[in-house]
C-alpha atoms as a PDB file:
ATOM      1  CA  UNK A   1     123.940 124.364 110.093  1.00  0.00           C
ATOM      2  CA  UNK A   2     122.690 121.669 107.740  1.00  0.00           C
ATOM      3  CA  UNK A   3     120.239 118.922 108.590  1.00  0.00           C
ATOM      4  CA  UNK A   4     120.497 115.493 107.071  1.00  0.00           C
ATOM      5  CA  UNK A   5     117.172 114.515 105.522  1.00  0.00           C
ATOM      6  CA  UNK A   6     115.295 111.951 107.587  1.00  0.00           C
ATOM      7  CA  UNK A   7     111.959 110.558 106.416  1.00  0.00           C
ATOM      8  CA  UNK A   8     109.017 110.369 108.802  1.00  0.00           C
ATOM      9  CA  UNK A   9     107.912 106.763 109.266  1.00  0.00           C
ATOM     10  CA  UNK A  10     104.152 106.926 109.777  1.00  0.00           C
ATOM     11  CA  UNK A  11     103.853 103.386 111.182  1.00  0.00           C
ATOM     12  CA  UNK A  12     106.600 104.150 113.701  1.00  0.00           C
ATOM     13  CA  UNK A  13     104.879 107.374 114.745  1.00  0.00           C
ATOM     14  CA  UNK A  14     101.524 105.574 115.125  1.00  0.00           C
ATOM     15  CA  UNK A  15     103.178 102.972 117.391  1.00  0.00           C
ATOM     16  CA  UNK A  16     104.225 105.737 119.801  1.00  0.00           C
ATOM     17  CA  UNK A  17     100.708 106.539 121.067  1.00  0.00           C
ATOM     18  CA  UNK A  18      97.402 104.845 121.801  1.00  0.00           C
ATOM     19  CA  UNK A  19      95.115 107.648 122.995  1.00  0.00           C
ATOM     20  CA  UNK A  20      92.060 108.275 120.853  1.00  0.00           C
ATOM     21  CA  UNK A  21      90.923 111.581 119.334  1.00  0.00           C
ATOM     22  CA  UNK A  22      94.242 113.224 120.190  1.00  0.00           C
ATOM     23  CA  UNK A  23      96.111 114.739 117.252  1.00  0.00           C
ATOM     24  CA  UNK A  24      99.890 114.294 117.052  1.00  0.00           C
ATOM     25  CA  UNK A  25     101.907 116.649 114.843  1.00  0.00           C
ATOM     26  CA  UNK A  26     104.533 114.848 112.761  1.00  0.00           C
ATOM     27  CA  UNK A  27     105.572 117.564 110.292  1.00  0.00           C
ATOM     28  CA  UNK A  28     105.104 121.136 109.168  1.00  0.00           C
ATOM     29  CA  UNK A  29     104.470 122.166 105.565  1.00  0.00           C
ATOM     30  CA  UNK A  30     104.658 125.943 105.214  1.00  0.00           C
ATOM     31  CA  UNK A  31     101.799 127.183 107.415  1.00  0.00           C
ATOM     32  CA  UNK A  32     100.215 123.721 107.675  1.00  0.00           C
ATOM     33  CA  UNK A  33     100.541 120.864 110.135  1.00  0.00           C
ATOM     34  CA  UNK A  34     100.626 117.196 109.191  1.00  0.00           C
ATOM     35  CA  UNK A  35      98.979 115.307 112.048  1.00  0.00           C
ATOM     36  CA  UNK A  36      98.140 111.728 112.970  1.00  0.00           C
ATOM     37  CA  UNK A  37      95.231 110.589 115.103  1.00  0.00           C
ATOM     38  CA  UNK A  38      93.598 107.365 116.194  1.00  0.00           C
ATOM     39  CA  UNK A  39      89.824 107.397 116.248  1.00  0.00           C
ATOM     40  CA  UNK A  40      87.091 105.114 117.545  1.00  0.00           C
ATOM     41  CA  UNK A  41      83.451 105.996 118.054  1.00  0.00           C
ATOM     42  CA  UNK A  42      81.874 109.304 117.134  1.00  0.00           C
ATOM     43  CA  UNK A  43      83.160 112.836 117.438  1.00  0.00           C
ATOM     44  CA  UNK A  44      81.196 116.107 117.453  1.00  0.00           C
ATOM     45  CA  UNK A  45      79.480 117.893 114.578  1.00  0.00           C
ATOM     46  CA  UNK A  46      81.587 120.926 113.702  1.00  0.00           C
ATOM     47  CA  UNK A  47      82.657 123.326 110.973  1.00  0.00           C
ATOM     48  CA  UNK A  48      85.938 124.976 110.055  1.00  0.00           C
ATOM     49  CA  UNK A  49      84.788 128.288 108.567  1.00  0.00           C
ATOM     50  CA  UNK A  50      88.203 129.388 107.292  1.00  0.00           C
ATOM     51  CA  UNK A  51      89.852 126.215 106.017  1.00  0.00           C
ATOM     52  CA  UNK A  52      89.440 122.949 104.167  1.00  0.00           C
ATOM     53  CA  UNK A  53      90.412 119.796 106.082  1.00  0.00           C
ATOM     54  CA  UNK A  54      92.135 116.790 104.490  1.00  0.00           C
ATOM     55  CA  UNK A  55      91.492 113.315 105.975  1.00  0.00           C
ATOM     56  CA  UNK A  56      93.632 110.365 104.781  1.00  0.00           C
ATOM     57  CA  UNK A  57      92.855 106.935 106.215  1.00  0.00           C
ATOM     58  CA  UNK A  58      95.927 104.852 107.014  1.00  0.00           C
ATOM     59  CA  UNK A  59      94.142 101.876 108.608  1.00  0.00           C
ATOM     60  CA  UNK A  60      90.554 101.061 109.543  1.00  0.00           C
ATOM     61  CA  UNK A  61      87.473 102.790 108.153  1.00  0.00           C
ATOM     62  CA  UNK A  62      86.285 106.349 108.638  1.00  0.00           C
ATOM     63  CA  UNK A  63      82.819 107.687 107.968  1.00  0.00           C
ATOM     64  CA  UNK A  64      82.649 111.429 107.513  1.00  0.00           C
ATOM     65  CA  UNK A  65      79.049 112.299 108.208  1.00  0.00           C
ATOM     66  CA  UNK A  66      77.978 115.320 106.200  1.00  0.00           C
ATOM     67  CA  UNK A  67      74.524 116.908 106.282  1.00  0.00           C
ATOM     68  CA  UNK A  68      73.924 115.855 102.658  1.00  0.00           C
ATOM     69  CA  UNK A  69      75.296 112.287 102.920  1.00  0.00           C
ATOM     70  CA  UNK A  70      78.119 110.197 104.324  1.00  0.00           C
ATOM     71  CA  UNK A  71      81.588 109.694 102.838  1.00  0.00           C
ATOM     72  CA  UNK A  72      83.148 106.336 103.790  1.00  0.00           C
ATOM     73  CA  UNK A  73      86.930 106.009 103.531  1.00  0.00           C
ATOM     74  CA  UNK A  74      89.123 102.927 103.710  1.00  0.00           C
ATOM     75  CA  UNK A  75      92.915 102.617 103.873  1.00  0.00           C
ATOM     76  CA  UNK A  76      94.672 104.721 101.259  1.00  0.00           C
ATOM     77  CA  UNK A  77      91.623 106.900 100.586  1.00  0.00           C
ATOM     78  CA  UNK A  78      91.348 110.593 101.300  1.00  0.00           C
ATOM     79  CA  UNK A  79      88.644 113.221 101.307  1.00  0.00           C
ATOM     80  CA  UNK A  80      88.807 116.972 101.678  1.00  0.00           C
ATOM     81  CA  UNK A  81      85.996 118.515 103.701  1.00  0.00           C
ATOM     82  CA  UNK A  82      85.522 121.989 102.197  1.00  0.00           C
ATOM     83  CA  UNK A  83      85.644 125.019 104.470  1.00  0.00           C
ATOM     84  CA  UNK A  84      82.302 125.807 106.036  1.00  0.00           C
ATOM     85  CA  UNK A  85      80.895 122.269 105.593  1.00  0.00           C
ATOM     86  CA  UNK A  86      79.562 120.772 108.824  1.00  0.00           C
ATOM     87  CA  UNK A  87      80.917 117.284 109.436  1.00  0.00           C
ATOM     88  CA  UNK A  88      81.219 114.593 112.102  1.00  0.00           C
ATOM     89  CA  UNK A  89      83.920 111.892 111.902  1.00  0.00           C
ATOM     90  CA  UNK A  90      82.832 108.416 113.040  1.00  0.00           C
ATOM     91  CA  UNK A  91      84.966 105.252 113.262  1.00  0.00           C
ATOM     92  CA  UNK A  92      83.243 101.963 114.132  1.00  0.00           C
ATOM     93  CA  UNK A  93      86.651 100.306 114.580  1.00  0.00           C
ATOM     94  CA  UNK A  94      89.954 101.837 115.634  1.00  0.00           C
ATOM     95  CA  UNK A  95      91.087 103.890 112.679  1.00  0.00           C
ATOM     96  CA  UNK A  96      94.368 105.718 112.062  1.00  0.00           C
ATOM     97  CA  UNK A  97      94.233 108.896 110.003  1.00  0.00           C
ATOM     98  CA  UNK A  98      96.534 111.592 108.701  1.00  0.00           C
ATOM     99  CA  UNK A  99      95.242 115.178 108.697  1.00  0.00           C
ATOM    100  CA  UNK A 100      96.527 118.200 106.828  1.00  0.00           C
ATOM    101  CA  UNK A 101      95.276 121.577 107.986  1.00  0.00           C
ATOM    102  CA  UNK A 102      96.570 125.069 108.776  1.00  0.00           C
ATOM    103  CA  UNK A 103      98.607 125.473 111.952  1.00  0.00           C
ATOM    104  CA  UNK A 104      96.344 126.337 114.863  1.00  0.00           C
ATOM    105  CA  UNK A 105      93.188 124.695 113.469  1.00  0.00           C
ATOM    106  CA  UNK A 106      91.078 123.524 116.409  1.00  0.00           C
ATOM    107  CA  UNK A 107      90.006 119.861 116.119  1.00  0.00           C
ATOM    108  CA  UNK A 108      86.438 120.710 117.167  1.00  0.00           C
ATOM    109  CA  UNK A 109      86.194 123.757 114.905  1.00  0.00           C
ATOM    110  CA  UNK A 110      83.307 126.038 115.815  1.00  0.00           C
ATOM    111  CA  UNK A 111      81.843 123.499 118.295  1.00  0.00           C
ATOM    112  CA  UNK A 112      84.568 123.912 120.942  1.00  0.00           C
ATOM    113  CA  UNK A 113      83.832 122.053 124.151  1.00  0.00           C
ATOM    114  CA  UNK A 114      85.591 119.423 126.253  1.00  0.00           C
ATOM    115  CA  UNK A 115      86.907 117.427 123.261  1.00  0.00           C
ATOM    116  CA  UNK A 116      88.975 120.372 121.988  1.00  0.00           C
ATOM    117  CA  UNK A 117      92.677 119.566 122.128  1.00  0.00           C
ATOM    118  CA  UNK A 118      95.846 121.188 120.908  1.00  0.00           C
ATOM    119  CA  UNK A 119      98.012 118.814 118.833  1.00  0.00           C
ATOM    120  CA  UNK A 120     101.080 117.402 120.559  1.00  0.00           C
ATOM    121  CA  UNK A 121     104.363 117.057 118.688  1.00  0.00           C
ATOM    122  CA  UNK A 122     105.648 113.509 118.237  1.00  0.00           C
END
């Protein structure tokens, strides 16, 4: 069975949800998930010991707090948090991001807790 190629429209996918800090899977790339999320406020300090984590800002502004200084991203900018680096995402305004990380990566990393969520497919 063949599938006709259909592009993923990121703006359309973002319009389908409004909940914050909840990752939505929009594609798979080998053993990785491409996910969208909307953020506002602060998250939790955490580490991913076994994987890097790519953050791409689609709209808004994201501050990735790192122990040795902050990285501030605007629309169209990305940053890769290296594996094992403790970080805390903060968005002063509602911010839409795209994440690329291995399938099964927990959003709260080693911190766990009540904000841990499994990504939902969109």
